[in-house]
């Protein structure tokens, strides 16, 4: 799956995007899950602050 992401980001203007992975704890079970998104660099802090 990582190969597809990296290959997709090698286009023009791709340096403006970042892959962000956030660990989130479930309130119900207490288990951790990971949220992955590809965002513009200026939106990264907003995503992590949620």
C-alpha atoms as a PDB file:
ATOM      1  CA  UNK A   1       0.000   0.000   0.000  1.00  0.00           C
ATOM      2  CA  UNK A   2       2.872   2.382   0.679  1.00  0.00           C
ATOM      3  CA  UNK A   3       4.129   1.991  -2.858  1.00  0.00           C
ATOM      4  CA  UNK A   4       0.860   3.339  -4.247  1.00  0.00           C
ATOM      5  CA  UNK A   5       0.992   6.362  -1.955  1.00  0.00           C
ATOM      6  CA  UNK A   6       4.589   7.181  -2.789  1.00  0.00           C
ATOM      7  CA  UNK A   7       4.025   6.703  -6.523  1.00  0.00           C
ATOM      8  CA  UNK A   8       0.968   8.948  -6.400  1.00  0.00           C
ATOM      9  CA  UNK A   9       2.876  11.730  -4.668  1.00  0.00           C
ATOM     10  CA  UNK A  10       5.648  11.969  -7.254  1.00  0.00           C
ATOM     11  CA  UNK A  11       3.618  14.270  -9.477  1.00  0.00           C
ATOM     12  CA  UNK A  12       4.077  18.010  -9.864  1.00  0.00           C
ATOM     13  CA  UNK A  13       3.094  19.919  -6.743  1.00  0.00           C
ATOM     14  CA  UNK A  14       3.382  16.839  -4.549  1.00  0.00           C
ATOM     15  CA  UNK A  15       5.896  18.516  -2.251  1.00  0.00           C
ATOM     16  CA  UNK A  16       3.003  20.558  -0.871  1.00  0.00           C
ATOM     17  CA  UNK A  17       1.402  17.425   0.647  1.00  0.00           C
ATOM     18  CA  UNK A  18       2.271  15.306   3.678  1.00  0.00           C
ATOM     19  CA  UNK A  19       1.105  11.882   4.820  1.00  0.00           C
ATOM     20  CA  UNK A  20      -0.058  12.155   8.437  1.00  0.00           C
ATOM     21  CA  UNK A  21      -0.631   9.206  10.774  1.00  0.00           C
ATOM     22  CA  UNK A  22      -2.447   9.799  14.062  1.00  0.00           C
ATOM     23  CA  UNK A  23      -3.002   7.279  16.860  1.00  0.00           C
ATOM     24  CA  UNK A  24      -6.520   7.438  18.343  1.00  0.00           C
ATOM     25  CA  UNK A  25      -7.746   5.596  21.434  1.00  0.00           C
ATOM     26  CA  UNK A  26     -11.244   4.117  21.267  1.00  0.00           C
ATOM     27  CA  UNK A  27     -13.512   5.156  24.141  1.00  0.00           C
ATOM     28  CA  UNK A  28     -15.500   1.946  23.852  1.00  0.00           C
ATOM     29  CA  UNK A  29     -12.812  -0.746  23.914  1.00  0.00           C
ATOM     30  CA  UNK A  30      -9.692   1.174  24.903  1.00  0.00           C
ATOM     31  CA  UNK A  31      -7.826  -0.128  21.847  1.00  0.00           C
ATOM     32  CA  UNK A  32      -5.733   2.149  19.662  1.00  0.00           C
ATOM     33  CA  UNK A  33      -6.387   2.693  15.968  1.00  0.00           C
ATOM     34  CA  UNK A  34      -4.477   4.678  13.394  1.00  0.00           C
ATOM     35  CA  UNK A  35      -5.900   7.349  11.098  1.00  0.00           C
ATOM     36  CA  UNK A  36      -3.930   8.052   7.929  1.00  0.00           C
ATOM     37  CA  UNK A  37      -4.523  10.987   5.617  1.00  0.00           C
ATOM     38  CA  UNK A  38      -2.661  12.867   2.933  1.00  0.00           C
ATOM     39  CA  UNK A  39      -3.039  16.583   3.601  1.00  0.00           C
ATOM     40  CA  UNK A  40      -1.598  19.885   2.427  1.00  0.00           C
ATOM     41  CA  UNK A  41       1.263  20.989   4.662  1.00  0.00           C
ATOM     42  CA  UNK A  42      -0.707  23.901   6.097  1.00  0.00           C
ATOM     43  CA  UNK A  43      -3.527  21.610   7.343  1.00  0.00           C
ATOM     44  CA  UNK A  44      -1.320  19.191   9.328  1.00  0.00           C
ATOM     45  CA  UNK A  45      -1.495  21.058  12.650  1.00  0.00           C
ATOM     46  CA  UNK A  46      -5.297  21.276  12.408  1.00  0.00           C
ATOM     47  CA  UNK A  47      -5.556  17.518  11.811  1.00  0.00           C
ATOM     48  CA  UNK A  48      -3.325  16.665  14.764  1.00  0.00           C
ATOM     49  CA  UNK A  49      -5.131  19.117  17.072  1.00  0.00           C
ATOM     50  CA  UNK A  50      -8.493  17.342  16.645  1.00  0.00           C
END
